[in-house]
Amino acid sequence: MSQPPEAVRVAPKACPLCGKPVVPRYRPFCSQRCAEVDLGHWLTETYRIPDDSLDPDEE
């Protein structure tokens, strides 16, 4: 039987908003503030996921 792969430790990355080191509690962010700013971008539709489907008006 083969043995399961060993766990790989990943180096901490930088916060995607401000570049500071990531804090495990708020991963992938450095603080609650950066996490909330990111959430605000999604809620105000500053960030969007592209959608290739057609609008009902375009059909």
N, C-alpha and C. Protein backbone atom coordinates (compact mmCIF):
# COMPACT_ATOMS: atom_id res chain seq x y z
N MET A 1 0.83 -1.20 0.00
CA MET A 1 0.00 0.00 0.00
C MET A 1 0.87 1.25 0.00
N SER A 2 0.39 2.23 -0.69
CA SER A 2 1.14 3.49 -0.69
C SER A 2 0.72 4.32 0.51
N GLN A 3 1.64 5.12 0.97
CA GLN A 3 1.37 5.97 2.13
C GLN A 3 0.76 7.29 1.64
N PRO A 4 -0.09 7.89 2.47
CA PRO A 4 -0.68 9.18 2.08
C PRO A 4 0.41 10.24 1.99
N PRO A 5 0.22 11.23 1.12
CA PRO A 5 1.23 12.29 1.00
C PRO A 5 1.32 13.09 2.30
N GLU A 6 2.51 13.57 2.55
CA GLU A 6 2.71 14.39 3.75
C GLU A 6 2.08 15.76 3.54
N ALA A 7 1.65 16.35 4.64
CA ALA A 7 1.07 17.69 4.59
C ALA A 7 2.15 18.68 4.15
N VAL A 8 1.77 19.58 3.33
CA VAL A 8 2.69 20.60 2.83
C VAL A 8 2.33 21.92 3.48
N ARG A 9 3.29 22.54 4.08
CA ARG A 9 3.08 23.85 4.71
C ARG A 9 3.28 24.92 3.64
N VAL A 10 2.28 25.76 3.48
CA VAL A 10 2.33 26.82 2.48
C VAL A 10 2.78 28.10 3.17
N ALA A 11 3.69 28.79 2.52
CA ALA A 11 4.18 30.05 3.07
C ALA A 11 3.05 31.07 3.09
N PRO A 12 2.96 31.86 4.17
CA PRO A 12 1.91 32.88 4.23
C PRO A 12 2.08 33.88 3.09
N LYS A 13 0.97 34.27 2.53
CA LYS A 13 1.00 35.22 1.43
C LYS A 13 0.62 36.60 1.95
N ALA A 14 0.61 37.53 1.06
CA ALA A 14 0.26 38.90 1.42
C ALA A 14 -1.24 39.11 1.26
N CYS A 15 -1.78 39.99 2.05
CA CYS A 15 -3.19 40.38 1.96
C CYS A 15 -3.43 40.92 0.55
N PRO A 16 -4.50 40.46 -0.13
CA PRO A 16 -4.75 40.93 -1.49
C PRO A 16 -5.14 42.41 -1.59
N LEU A 17 -5.52 43.01 -0.47
CA LEU A 17 -5.92 44.43 -0.52
C LEU A 17 -4.78 45.38 -0.18
N CYS A 18 -4.04 45.07 0.89
CA CYS A 18 -3.03 46.04 1.33
C CYS A 18 -1.59 45.51 1.27
N GLY A 19 -1.43 44.19 1.11
CA GLY A 19 -0.09 43.63 0.98
C GLY A 19 0.57 43.25 2.29
N LYS A 20 -0.08 43.48 3.43
CA LYS A 20 0.49 43.10 4.72
C LYS A 20 0.43 41.58 4.87
N PRO A 21 1.20 41.02 5.80
CA PRO A 21 1.16 39.56 6.01
C PRO A 21 -0.23 39.09 6.44
N VAL A 22 -0.61 37.91 5.99
CA VAL A 22 -1.91 37.32 6.30
C VAL A 22 -1.96 36.88 7.75
N VAL A 23 -3.09 37.10 8.40
CA VAL A 23 -3.34 36.64 9.77
C VAL A 23 -4.29 35.45 9.65
N PRO A 24 -3.93 34.28 10.23
CA PRO A 24 -4.76 33.08 10.06
C PRO A 24 -6.24 33.29 10.36
N ARG A 25 -6.57 34.08 11.35
CA ARG A 25 -7.97 34.29 11.72
C ARG A 25 -8.77 34.94 10.59
N TYR A 26 -8.12 35.80 9.80
CA TYR A 26 -8.81 36.55 8.74
C TYR A 26 -8.38 36.10 7.34
N ARG A 27 -7.72 34.96 7.25
CA ARG A 27 -7.20 34.48 5.98
C ARG A 27 -8.25 34.54 4.89
N PRO A 28 -7.99 35.05 3.74
CA PRO A 28 -6.69 35.43 3.16
C PRO A 28 -6.32 36.89 3.39
N PHE A 29 -6.94 37.52 4.36
CA PHE A 29 -6.68 38.94 4.64
C PHE A 29 -5.81 39.10 5.88
N CYS A 30 -5.40 40.34 6.13
CA CYS A 30 -4.55 40.62 7.28
C CYS A 30 -5.35 41.08 8.49
N SER A 31 -6.58 41.52 8.27
CA SER A 31 -7.37 42.07 9.36
C SER A 31 -8.86 42.00 9.03
N GLN A 32 -9.66 42.24 10.03
CA GLN A 32 -11.11 42.28 9.83
C GLN A 32 -11.47 43.43 8.90
N ARG A 33 -10.76 44.53 9.01
CA ARG A 33 -11.04 45.68 8.15
C ARG A 33 -10.89 45.32 6.68
N CYS A 34 -9.79 44.67 6.31
CA CYS A 34 -9.59 44.30 4.91
C CYS A 34 -10.64 43.29 4.46
N ALA A 35 -11.02 42.37 5.33
CA ALA A 35 -12.07 41.40 4.99
C ALA A 35 -13.39 42.11 4.73
N GLU A 36 -13.71 43.10 5.54
CA GLU A 36 -14.96 43.84 5.37
C GLU A 36 -14.93 44.75 4.14
N VAL A 37 -13.78 45.32 3.84
CA VAL A 37 -13.65 46.14 2.63
C VAL A 37 -13.89 45.25 1.41
N ASP A 38 -13.32 44.06 1.40
CA ASP A 38 -13.51 43.13 0.28
C ASP A 38 -14.98 42.74 0.16
N LEU A 39 -15.63 42.44 1.27
CA LEU A 39 -17.05 42.11 1.24
C LEU A 39 -17.87 43.27 0.69
N GLY A 40 -17.51 44.48 1.08
CA GLY A 40 -18.19 45.66 0.56
C GLY A 40 -18.07 45.79 -0.94
N HIS A 41 -16.90 45.44 -1.49
CA HIS A 41 -16.73 45.46 -2.94
C HIS A 41 -17.69 44.48 -3.62
N TRP A 42 -17.87 43.30 -3.04
CA TRP A 42 -18.79 42.33 -3.62
C TRP A 42 -20.23 42.80 -3.49
N LEU A 43 -20.59 43.36 -2.34
CA LEU A 43 -21.98 43.77 -2.12
C LEU A 43 -22.39 44.96 -2.97
N THR A 44 -21.44 45.83 -3.28
CA THR A 44 -21.76 46.99 -4.13
C THR A 44 -21.49 46.69 -5.60
N GLU A 45 -21.18 45.45 -5.90
CA GLU A 45 -20.92 44.96 -7.26
C GLU A 45 -19.72 45.63 -7.92
N THR A 46 -18.75 46.09 -7.12
CA THR A 46 -17.49 46.55 -7.66
C THR A 46 -16.76 45.35 -8.27
N TYR A 47 -16.83 44.20 -7.60
CA TYR A 47 -16.31 42.94 -8.12
C TYR A 47 -17.48 42.20 -8.75
N ARG A 48 -17.25 41.57 -9.87
CA ARG A 48 -18.28 40.76 -10.52
C ARG A 48 -17.63 39.54 -11.13
N ILE A 49 -18.40 38.48 -11.22
CA ILE A 49 -17.97 37.27 -11.91
C ILE A 49 -18.58 37.35 -13.31
N PRO A 50 -17.76 37.23 -14.35
CA PRO A 50 -18.29 37.35 -15.70
C PRO A 50 -19.34 36.27 -15.98
N ASP A 51 -20.35 36.64 -16.75
CA ASP A 51 -21.43 35.73 -17.11
C ASP A 51 -21.58 35.77 -18.63
N ASP A 52 -21.40 34.62 -19.27
CA ASP A 52 -21.49 34.56 -20.72
C ASP A 52 -22.91 34.31 -21.23
N SER A 53 -23.84 34.08 -20.33
CA SER A 53 -25.20 33.82 -20.78
C SER A 53 -25.82 35.10 -21.33
N LEU A 54 -26.79 34.92 -22.21
CA LEU A 54 -27.44 36.06 -22.83
C LEU A 54 -28.55 36.60 -21.94
N ASP A 55 -28.76 37.90 -22.01
CA ASP A 55 -29.88 38.52 -21.32
C ASP A 55 -31.16 38.13 -22.06
N PRO A 56 -32.29 38.02 -21.38
CA PRO A 56 -33.55 37.69 -22.06
C PRO A 56 -33.89 38.68 -23.17
N ASP A 57 -33.46 39.94 -23.04
CA ASP A 57 -33.74 40.95 -24.05
C ASP A 57 -32.91 40.75 -25.32
N GLU A 58 -31.76 40.08 -25.21
CA GLU A 58 -30.86 39.89 -26.34
C GLU A 58 -31.22 38.68 -27.19
N GLU A 59 -32.09 37.81 -26.73
CA GLU A 59 -32.41 36.59 -27.46
C GLU A 59 -33.26 36.84 -28.67
